[in-house]
Amino acid sequence: MPIGTLYDPFIARGLDALNYACYQDARFLLVATPSGITLGPEGGAHQSINPPLIALGQPGLRHYEPAYADELAAMMELAFRLIDDPAGESTYLRLSTRSVQQIERQDDGWRDDALKGAYWLREPGAGSEAAIVAMGTVMPEALAAWEELREDIPGLGLLSVTSPDLLHRGWTAAQAARWAGERQASHIEQLLSRIGRNAGLVTIADAAPASLSWLGGVLGQRVAPLGVDRFGQTGNLSDLYASYRLDGAAITEAVAEILLQNG
């Protein structure tokens, strides 16, 4: 099984080789860690913000960014199957060295949706006014914000995105199918239809905000995107997240603002 490991920003150093390997249908598992500004105590040189956008536009490469260990296990199992599948593809795992408290699962009903790119970590109420959408290592901050806001915002949902790449592929494929006369809804359309069309989405990722901000175009829902548009500072995570607006306070403020805009 061909497995490559590297620092996440170093994907750009080998981008030409990566693109050519995918073009000729090479099969491999690419494991990039640490990622984003979350490795802040180590220094700024190895921080990364744009690899999820690279993966979003790279054919033949499936990008996953798990928050929890059980998600990672499911993704690795599928990645190895895809290597041997004639119709499969290569897989890129964007991981982190941050220690994240794991959550208890009642069942494995989340698994299939996670492998499709997203699942509701906290179920929304029908027609809810807002949802928090989070990816990867900032999930603890998203959960903390959800806990703080759930009593004030009935039906507030928390959507865990595990692959913006797969969600975007499915969305554009469903659009193309409809243009050809086929009635079809993508995975992300089905998930976001659980909340109101006028609902606000607060997206957060330790990556370029555009990695998730496009979700507002799926059903026309308003988006407040939180992410990283610069890098290089070192420090403890609480200070860095506050400086880059990736903390619970930033999420809470963004939710309040988007509800105000929606009237």
C-alpha atoms as a PDB file:
ATOM      1  CA  MET A   1       0.000   0.000   0.000  1.00  0.00           C
ATOM      2  CA  PRO A   2       1.707   3.241  -1.101  1.00  0.00           C
ATOM      3  CA  ILE A   3       1.469   5.721   1.790  1.00  0.00           C
ATOM      4  CA  GLY A   4       3.175   9.108   1.814  1.00  0.00           C
ATOM      5  CA  THR A   5       3.523  11.369   4.868  1.00  0.00           C
ATOM      6  CA  LEU A   6       4.495  15.042   4.905  1.00  0.00           C
ATOM      7  CA  TYR A   7       3.813  18.420   6.434  1.00  0.00           C
ATOM      8  CA  ASP A   8       0.586  19.799   5.009  1.00  0.00           C
ATOM      9  CA  PRO A   9       2.096  22.930   3.367  1.00  0.00           C
ATOM     10  CA  PHE A  10       4.687  20.798   1.565  1.00  0.00           C
ATOM     11  CA  ILE A  11       1.959  19.513  -0.745  1.00  0.00           C
ATOM     12  CA  ALA A  12       2.627  22.662  -2.761  1.00  0.00           C
ATOM     13  CA  ARG A  13       6.292  21.669  -3.202  1.00  0.00           C
ATOM     14  CA  GLY A  14       5.296  18.443  -4.912  1.00  0.00           C
ATOM     15  CA  LEU A  15       2.167  19.721  -6.622  1.00  0.00           C
ATOM     16  CA  ASP A  16       3.344  19.015 -10.166  1.00  0.00           C
ATOM     17  CA  ALA A  17       4.175  15.410  -9.255  1.00  0.00           C
ATOM     18  CA  LEU A  18       0.879  15.042  -7.383  1.00  0.00           C
ATOM     19  CA  ASN A  19      -1.101  16.334 -10.334  1.00  0.00           C
ATOM     20  CA  TYR A  20       0.711  14.047 -12.778  1.00  0.00           C
ATOM     21  CA  ALA A  21       0.266  11.014 -10.498  1.00  0.00           C
ATOM     22  CA  CYS A  22      -3.486  11.648 -10.297  1.00  0.00           C
ATOM     23  CA  TYR A  23      -3.633  12.252 -14.059  1.00  0.00           C
ATOM     24  CA  GLN A  24      -2.142   8.830 -14.776  1.00  0.00           C
ATOM     25  CA  ASP A  25      -4.470   7.202 -12.199  1.00  0.00           C
ATOM     26  CA  ALA A  26      -1.779   6.345  -9.666  1.00  0.00           C
ATOM     27  CA  ARG A  27      -3.182   5.065  -6.360  1.00  0.00           C
ATOM     28  CA  PHE A  28      -1.866   6.131  -2.965  1.00  0.00           C
ATOM     29  CA  LEU A  29      -2.762   7.436   0.488  1.00  0.00           C
ATOM     30  CA  LEU A  30      -1.333  10.869   1.279  1.00  0.00           C
ATOM     31  CA  VAL A  31      -1.205  11.736   5.001  1.00  0.00           C
ATOM     32  CA  ALA A  32      -0.474  15.400   5.734  1.00  0.00           C
ATOM     33  CA  THR A  33       0.050  16.468   9.330  1.00  0.00           C
ATOM     34  CA  PRO A  34       0.229  18.784  11.216  1.00  0.00           C
ATOM     35  CA  SER A  35      -1.981  21.277   9.439  1.00  0.00           C
ATOM     36  CA  GLY A  36      -3.157  24.853   9.737  1.00  0.00           C
ATOM     37  CA  ILE A  37      -2.288  27.311  12.491  1.00  0.00           C
ATOM     38  CA  THR A  38      -3.185  24.659  15.088  1.00  0.00           C
ATOM     39  CA  LEU A  39       0.489  23.667  15.232  1.00  0.00           C
ATOM     40  CA  GLY A  40       1.179  27.251  16.388  1.00  0.00           C
ATOM     41  CA  PRO A  41       3.443  26.366  19.340  1.00  0.00           C
ATOM     42  CA  GLU A  42       5.842  24.755  16.847  1.00  0.00           C
ATOM     43  CA  GLY A  43       6.236  27.941  14.828  1.00  0.00           C
ATOM     44  CA  GLY A  44       4.805  29.613  11.744  1.00  0.00           C
ATOM     45  CA  ALA A  45       6.910  28.114   8.948  1.00  0.00           C
ATOM     46  CA  HIS A  46       4.897  24.900   8.670  1.00  0.00           C
ATOM     47  CA  GLN A  47       1.403  26.364   8.974  1.00  0.00           C
ATOM     48  CA  SER A  48      -0.902  25.918   5.996  1.00  0.00           C
ATOM     49  CA  ILE A  49      -4.157  27.405   4.760  1.00  0.00           C
ATOM     50  CA  ASN A  50      -4.735  26.508   1.111  1.00  0.00           C
ATOM     51  CA  PRO A  51      -4.285  22.698   0.692  1.00  0.00           C
ATOM     52  CA  PRO A  52      -8.067  22.037   1.041  1.00  0.00           C
ATOM     53  CA  LEU A  53      -8.595  24.388  -1.905  1.00  0.00           C
ATOM     54  CA  ILE A  54      -5.941  22.515  -3.880  1.00  0.00           C
ATOM     55  CA  ALA A  55      -7.707  19.223  -3.141  1.00  0.00           C
ATOM     56  CA  LEU A  56     -11.056  20.756  -4.082  1.00  0.00           C
ATOM     57  CA  GLY A  57      -9.815  21.288  -7.629  1.00  0.00           C
ATOM     58  CA  GLN A  58      -7.653  18.171  -8.075  1.00  0.00           C
ATOM     59  CA  PRO A  59      -9.309  15.337 -10.045  1.00  0.00           C
ATOM     60  CA  GLY A  60      -8.541  11.820  -8.895  1.00  0.00           C
ATOM     61  CA  LEU A  61      -7.797  12.835  -5.301  1.00  0.00           C
ATOM     62  CA  ARG A  62     -10.279  12.496  -2.441  1.00  0.00           C
ATOM     63  CA  HIS A  63      -9.760  14.852   0.506  1.00  0.00           C
ATOM     64  CA  TYR A  64     -10.868  13.982   4.043  1.00  0.00           C
ATOM     65  CA  GLU A  65     -10.363  16.081   7.186  1.00  0.00           C
ATOM     66  CA  PRO A  66     -11.640  14.152  10.214  1.00  0.00           C
ATOM     67  CA  ALA A  67     -12.188  15.556  13.688  1.00  0.00           C
ATOM     68  CA  TYR A  68     -12.329  12.237  15.556  1.00  0.00           C
ATOM     69  CA  ALA A  69     -10.404   8.975  15.589  1.00  0.00           C
ATOM     70  CA  ASP A  70     -13.369   6.781  14.613  1.00  0.00           C
ATOM     71  CA  GLU A  71     -13.908   8.974  11.547  1.00  0.00           C
ATOM     72  CA  LEU A  72     -10.250   8.543  10.622  1.00  0.00           C
ATOM     73  CA  ALA A  73     -10.465   4.764  10.971  1.00  0.00           C
ATOM     74  CA  ALA A  74     -13.444   4.622   8.596  1.00  0.00           C
ATOM     75  CA  MET A  75     -11.703   6.893   6.097  1.00  0.00           C
ATOM     76  CA  MET A  76      -8.492   4.853   6.118  1.00  0.00           C
ATOM     77  CA  GLU A  77     -10.432   1.639   5.563  1.00  0.00           C
ATOM     78  CA  LEU A  78     -12.210   3.180   2.577  1.00  0.00           C
ATOM     79  CA  ALA A  79      -8.956   4.677   1.237  1.00  0.00           C
ATOM     80  CA  PHE A  80      -7.331   1.238   1.084  1.00  0.00           C
ATOM     81  CA  ARG A  81     -10.375  -0.174  -0.683  1.00  0.00           C
ATOM     82  CA  LEU A  82     -10.263   2.655  -3.229  1.00  0.00           C
ATOM     83  CA  ILE A  83      -6.621   1.865  -4.018  1.00  0.00           C
ATOM     84  CA  ASP A  84      -7.633  -1.592  -5.277  1.00  0.00           C
ATOM     85  CA  ASP A  85     -10.939  -0.533  -6.841  1.00  0.00           C
ATOM     86  CA  PRO A  86     -10.711  -0.129 -10.655  1.00  0.00           C
ATOM     87  CA  ALA A  87     -13.114   2.813 -10.334  1.00  0.00           C
ATOM     88  CA  GLY A  88     -11.397   4.172  -7.212  1.00  0.00           C
ATOM     89  CA  GLU A  89      -9.014   7.050  -6.601  1.00  0.00           C
ATOM     90  CA  SER A  90      -6.269   8.267  -4.284  1.00  0.00           C
ATOM     91  CA  THR A  91      -6.976   9.768  -0.865  1.00  0.00           C
ATOM     92  CA  TYR A  92      -5.514  12.778   0.956  1.00  0.00           C
ATOM     93  CA  LEU A  93      -5.975  12.922   4.744  1.00  0.00           C
ATOM     94  CA  ARG A  94      -5.427  16.367   6.314  1.00  0.00           C
ATOM     95  CA  LEU A  95      -4.757  15.671   9.972  1.00  0.00           C
ATOM     96  CA  SER A  96      -3.570  17.442  13.100  1.00  0.00           C
ATOM     97  CA  THR A  97      -1.388  16.692  16.099  1.00  0.00           C
ATOM     98  CA  ARG A  98      -3.845  18.483  18.399  1.00  0.00           C
ATOM     99  CA  SER A  99      -5.249  16.319  21.189  1.00  0.00           C
ATOM    100  CA  VAL A 100      -9.038  16.360  20.782  1.00  0.00           C
ATOM    101  CA  GLN A 101     -11.431  14.875  23.320  1.00  0.00           C
ATOM    102  CA  GLN A 102     -13.368  12.084  21.659  1.00  0.00           C
ATOM    103  CA  ILE A 103     -17.153  11.883  21.755  1.00  0.00           C
ATOM    104  CA  GLU A 104     -19.400   8.985  22.669  1.00  0.00           C
ATOM    105  CA  ARG A 105     -21.475   7.539  19.837  1.00  0.00           C
ATOM    106  CA  GLN A 106     -24.828   5.867  20.358  1.00  0.00           C
ATOM    107  CA  ASP A 107     -24.530   3.981  17.068  1.00  0.00           C
ATOM    108  CA  ASP A 108     -22.658   4.108  13.757  1.00  0.00           C
ATOM    109  CA  GLY A 109     -25.417   5.917  11.865  1.00  0.00           C
ATOM    110  CA  TRP A 110     -23.000   8.806  11.256  1.00  0.00           C
ATOM    111  CA  ARG A 111     -20.516   6.668   9.330  1.00  0.00           C
ATOM    112  CA  ASP A 112     -22.025   6.569   5.825  1.00  0.00           C
ATOM    113  CA  ASP A 113     -22.723  10.293   5.796  1.00  0.00           C
ATOM    114  CA  ALA A 114     -19.230  11.064   7.096  1.00  0.00           C
ATOM    115  CA  LEU A 115     -17.725   9.104   4.203  1.00  0.00           C
ATOM    116  CA  LYS A 116     -19.916  11.126   1.822  1.00  0.00           C
ATOM    117  CA  GLY A 117     -18.499  14.365   3.182  1.00  0.00           C
ATOM    118  CA  ALA A 118     -20.649  15.583   6.101  1.00  0.00           C
ATOM    119  CA  TYR A 119     -23.087  14.570   8.828  1.00  0.00           C
ATOM    120  CA  TRP A 120     -25.109  16.272  11.544  1.00  0.00           C
ATOM    121  CA  LEU A 121     -23.084  15.964  14.744  1.00  0.00           C
ATOM    122  CA  ARG A 122     -25.928  17.761  16.514  1.00  0.00           C
ATOM    123  CA  GLU A 123     -29.263  17.383  14.739  1.00  0.00           C
ATOM    124  CA  PRO A 124     -31.034  20.603  13.736  1.00  0.00           C
ATOM    125  CA  GLY A 125     -34.656  21.359  14.355  1.00  0.00           C
ATOM    126  CA  ALA A 126     -36.934  21.526  11.323  1.00  0.00           C
ATOM    127  CA  GLY A 127     -36.715  24.983   9.790  1.00  0.00           C
ATOM    128  CA  SER A 128     -34.005  26.111  12.206  1.00  0.00           C
ATOM    129  CA  GLU A 129     -32.758  29.687  11.811  1.00  0.00           C
ATOM    130  CA  ALA A 130     -29.061  28.818  11.973  1.00  0.00           C
ATOM    131  CA  ALA A 131     -26.440  26.092  11.914  1.00  0.00           C
ATOM    132  CA  ILE A 132     -22.765  25.908  12.761  1.00  0.00           C
ATOM    133  CA  VAL A 133     -20.678  24.146  10.121  1.00  0.00           C
ATOM    134  CA  ALA A 134     -17.236  22.993  11.257  1.00  0.00           C
ATOM    135  CA  MET A 135     -14.394  20.918   9.859  1.00  0.00           C
ATOM    136  CA  GLY A 136     -11.511  19.079  11.470  1.00  0.00           C
ATOM    137  CA  THR A 137      -9.440  20.256  14.378  1.00  0.00           C
ATOM    138  CA  VAL A 138     -11.621  23.236  15.373  1.00  0.00           C
ATOM    139  CA  MET A 139     -14.549  20.964  16.223  1.00  0.00           C
ATOM    140  CA  PRO A 140     -14.072  21.448  20.009  1.00  0.00           C
ATOM    141  CA  GLU A 141     -14.616  25.203  19.577  1.00  0.00           C
ATOM    142  CA  ALA A 142     -17.690  24.563  17.437  1.00  0.00           C
ATOM    143  CA  LEU A 143     -19.120  22.173  20.030  1.00  0.00           C
ATOM    144  CA  ALA A 144     -18.504  24.641  22.843  1.00  0.00           C
ATOM    145  CA  ALA A 145     -20.283  27.398  20.894  1.00  0.00           C
ATOM    146  CA  TRP A 146     -23.189  25.060  20.128  1.00  0.00           C
ATOM    147  CA  GLU A 147     -23.541  24.214  23.822  1.00  0.00           C
ATOM    148  CA  GLU A 148     -23.578  27.912  24.699  1.00  0.00           C
ATOM    149  CA  LEU A 149     -26.155  28.877  22.058  1.00  0.00           C
ATOM    150  CA  ARG A 150     -28.516  25.900  21.845  1.00  0.00           C
ATOM    151  CA  GLU A 151     -30.942  27.147  24.504  1.00  0.00           C
ATOM    152  CA  ASP A 152     -31.128  30.632  22.990  1.00  0.00           C
ATOM    153  CA  ILE A 153     -31.507  29.364  19.408  1.00  0.00           C
ATOM    154  CA  PRO A 154     -34.023  26.492  19.313  1.00  0.00           C
ATOM    155  CA  GLY A 155     -33.122  23.855  16.761  1.00  0.00           C
ATOM    156  CA  LEU A 156     -29.542  25.062  16.265  1.00  0.00           C
ATOM    157  CA  GLY A 157     -27.637  22.363  14.372  1.00  0.00           C
ATOM    158  CA  LEU A 158     -23.954  21.464  14.172  1.00  0.00           C
ATOM    159  CA  LEU A 159     -22.845  20.064  10.825  1.00  0.00           C
ATOM    160  CA  SER A 160     -19.527  18.223  10.768  1.00  0.00           C
ATOM    161  CA  VAL A 161     -17.880  18.495   7.356  1.00  0.00           C
ATOM    162  CA  THR A 162     -15.403  15.714   6.683  1.00  0.00           C
ATOM    163  CA  SER A 163     -14.794  16.411   2.992  1.00  0.00           C
ATOM    164  CA  PRO A 164     -15.625  19.696   1.241  1.00  0.00           C
ATOM    165  CA  ASP A 165     -14.171  18.028  -1.849  1.00  0.00           C
ATOM    166  CA  LEU A 166     -16.797  15.256  -1.973  1.00  0.00           C
ATOM    167  CA  LEU A 167     -19.613  17.650  -1.088  1.00  0.00           C
ATOM    168  CA  HIS A 168     -18.687  20.007  -3.915  1.00  0.00           C
ATOM    169  CA  ARG A 169     -18.336  17.137  -6.402  1.00  0.00           C
ATOM    170  CA  GLY A 170     -21.739  15.771  -5.466  1.00  0.00           C
ATOM    171  CA  TRP A 171     -23.368  19.192  -5.675  1.00  0.00           C
ATOM    172  CA  THR A 172     -22.048  20.003  -9.140  1.00  0.00           C
ATOM    173  CA  ALA A 173     -22.815  16.469 -10.387  1.00  0.00           C
ATOM    174  CA  ALA A 174     -26.419  16.800  -9.196  1.00  0.00           C
ATOM    175  CA  GLN A 175     -26.724  20.134 -10.986  1.00  0.00           C
ATOM    176  CA  ALA A 176     -25.426  18.605 -14.215  1.00  0.00           C
ATOM    177  CA  ALA A 177     -27.857  15.696 -13.861  1.00  0.00           C
ATOM    178  CA  ARG A 178     -30.799  18.072 -13.419  1.00  0.00           C
ATOM    179  CA  TRP A 179     -29.762  20.000 -16.504  1.00  0.00           C
ATOM    180  CA  ALA A 180     -29.938  16.662 -18.338  1.00  0.00           C
ATOM    181  CA  GLY A 181     -33.493  16.110 -17.102  1.00  0.00           C
ATOM    182  CA  GLU A 182     -32.781  13.824 -14.151  1.00  0.00           C
ATOM    183  CA  ARG A 183     -34.299  14.668 -10.759  1.00  0.00           C
ATOM    184  CA  GLN A 184     -31.504  14.322  -8.261  1.00  0.00           C
ATOM    185  CA  ALA A 185     -30.376  15.960  -5.012  1.00  0.00           C
ATOM    186  CA  SER A 186     -26.819  15.852  -3.739  1.00  0.00           C
ATOM    187  CA  HIS A 187     -25.771  14.820  -0.250  1.00  0.00           C
ATOM    188  CA  ILE A 188     -25.138  18.392   0.884  1.00  0.00           C
ATOM    189  CA  GLU A 189     -28.478  19.566  -0.542  1.00  0.00           C
ATOM    190  CA  GLN A 190     -30.265  16.905   1.474  1.00  0.00           C
ATOM    191  CA  LEU A 191     -28.399  17.853   4.653  1.00  0.00           C
ATOM    192  CA  LEU A 192     -28.953  21.604   4.344  1.00  0.00           C
ATOM    193  CA  SER A 193     -32.619  21.154   3.435  1.00  0.00           C
ATOM    194  CA  ARG A 194     -33.128  20.106   7.069  1.00  0.00           C
ATOM    195  CA  ILE A 195     -32.873  23.773   8.075  1.00  0.00           C
ATOM    196  CA  GLY A 196     -34.724  26.784   6.681  1.00  0.00           C
ATOM    197  CA  ARG A 197     -33.823  28.245   3.307  1.00  0.00           C
ATOM    198  CA  ASN A 198     -33.432  31.583   5.057  1.00  0.00           C
ATOM    199  CA  ALA A 199     -31.226  30.090   7.756  1.00  0.00           C
ATOM    200  CA  GLY A 200     -27.727  31.379   8.389  1.00  0.00           C
ATOM    201  CA  LEU A 201     -24.616  29.205   8.225  1.00  0.00           C
ATOM    202  CA  VAL A 202     -21.514  29.976  10.278  1.00  0.00           C
ATOM    203  CA  THR A 203     -18.663  27.980   8.748  1.00  0.00           C
ATOM    204  CA  ILE A 204     -15.343  27.425  10.506  1.00  0.00           C
ATOM    205  CA  ALA A 205     -12.170  25.607   9.463  1.00  0.00           C
ATOM    206  CA  ASP A 206      -8.459  25.835  10.171  1.00  0.00           C
ATOM    207  CA  ALA A 207      -8.008  26.636   6.494  1.00  0.00           C
ATOM    208  CA  ALA A 208      -8.900  29.279   3.937  1.00  0.00           C
ATOM    209  CA  PRO A 209     -12.501  30.434   4.558  1.00  0.00           C
ATOM    210  CA  ALA A 210     -13.375  29.611   0.929  1.00  0.00           C
ATOM    211  CA  SER A 211     -12.996  25.911   1.797  1.00  0.00           C
ATOM    212  CA  LEU A 212     -16.525  26.040   3.252  1.00  0.00           C
ATOM    213  CA  SER A 213     -18.019  29.443   2.360  1.00  0.00           C
ATOM    214  CA  TRP A 214     -19.327  28.087  -0.982  1.00  0.00           C
ATOM    215  CA  LEU A 215     -21.943  26.118   0.997  1.00  0.00           C
ATOM    216  CA  GLY A 216     -24.104  29.233   0.941  1.00  0.00           C
ATOM    217  CA  GLY A 217     -24.593  28.743  -2.783  1.00  0.00           C
ATOM    218  CA  VAL A 218     -26.153  25.299  -2.400  1.00  0.00           C
ATOM    219  CA  LEU A 219     -29.597  26.497  -1.256  1.00  0.00           C
ATOM    220  CA  GLY A 220     -28.974  30.244  -1.134  1.00  0.00           C
ATOM    221  CA  GLN A 221     -28.452  30.418   2.627  1.00  0.00           C
ATOM    222  CA  ARG A 222     -26.501  33.329   4.103  1.00  0.00           C
ATOM    223  CA  VAL A 223     -22.956  32.458   5.237  1.00  0.00           C
ATOM    224  CA  ALA A 224     -20.579  33.945   7.801  1.00  0.00           C
ATOM    225  CA  PRO A 225     -17.246  32.253   7.007  1.00  0.00           C
ATOM    226  CA  LEU A 226     -14.568  31.889   9.677  1.00  0.00           C
ATOM    227  CA  GLY A 227     -11.144  30.628   8.694  1.00  0.00           C
ATOM    228  CA  VAL A 228      -7.512  31.544   8.175  1.00  0.00           C
ATOM    229  CA  ASP A 229      -6.462  34.136   5.583  1.00  0.00           C
ATOM    230  CA  ARG A 230      -2.937  34.661   6.914  1.00  0.00           C
ATOM    231  CA  PHE A 231      -0.440  32.663   8.955  1.00  0.00           C
ATOM    232  CA  GLY A 232       2.974  32.794  10.577  1.00  0.00           C
ATOM    233  CA  GLN A 233       2.392  33.651  14.241  1.00  0.00           C
ATOM    234  CA  THR A 234       3.427  31.310  17.027  1.00  0.00           C
ATOM    235  CA  GLY A 235       1.823  30.923  20.437  1.00  0.00           C
ATOM    236  CA  ASN A 236      -0.584  28.812  22.461  1.00  0.00           C
ATOM    237  CA  LEU A 237      -3.788  27.729  20.771  1.00  0.00           C
ATOM    238  CA  SER A 238      -6.164  29.843  22.819  1.00  0.00           C
ATOM    239  CA  ASP A 239      -4.282  33.034  21.905  1.00  0.00           C
ATOM    240  CA  LEU A 240      -3.896  32.049  18.254  1.00  0.00           C
ATOM    241  CA  TYR A 241      -7.535  31.050  17.849  1.00  0.00           C
ATOM    242  CA  ALA A 242      -8.636  34.324  19.415  1.00  0.00           C
ATOM    243  CA  SER A 243      -6.321  36.322  17.133  1.00  0.00           C
ATOM    244  CA  TYR A 244      -7.475  34.531  13.986  1.00  0.00           C
ATOM    245  CA  ARG A 245     -11.142  34.382  15.051  1.00  0.00           C
ATOM    246  CA  LEU A 246     -11.359  30.615  15.295  1.00  0.00           C
ATOM    247  CA  ASP A 247     -12.513  30.462  18.913  1.00  0.00           C
ATOM    248  CA  GLY A 248     -15.910  29.974  20.517  1.00  0.00           C
ATOM    249  CA  ALA A 249     -16.373  33.712  21.017  1.00  0.00           C
ATOM    250  CA  ALA A 250     -15.923  34.349  17.294  1.00  0.00           C
ATOM    251  CA  ILE A 251     -18.470  31.645  16.431  1.00  0.00           C
ATOM    252  CA  THR A 252     -20.983  33.083  18.900  1.00  0.00           C
ATOM    253  CA  GLU A 253     -20.525  36.589  17.478  1.00  0.00           C
ATOM    254  CA  ALA A 254     -20.895  35.315  13.914  1.00  0.00           C
ATOM    255  CA  VAL A 255     -24.120  33.468  14.751  1.00  0.00           C
ATOM    256  CA  ALA A 256     -25.554  36.577  16.410  1.00  0.00           C
ATOM    257  CA  GLU A 257     -24.618  38.744  13.443  1.00  0.00           C
ATOM    258  CA  ILE A 258     -26.093  36.420  10.860  1.00  0.00           C
ATOM    259  CA  LEU A 259     -29.367  36.138  12.795  1.00  0.00           C
ATOM    260  CA  LEU A 260     -29.507  39.930  12.987  1.00  0.00           C
ATOM    261  CA  GLN A 261     -28.969  40.190   9.225  1.00  0.00           C
ATOM    262  CA  ASN A 262     -31.749  37.699   8.623  1.00  0.00           C
ATOM    263  CA  GLY A 263     -34.072  39.859  10.732  1.00  0.00           C
END
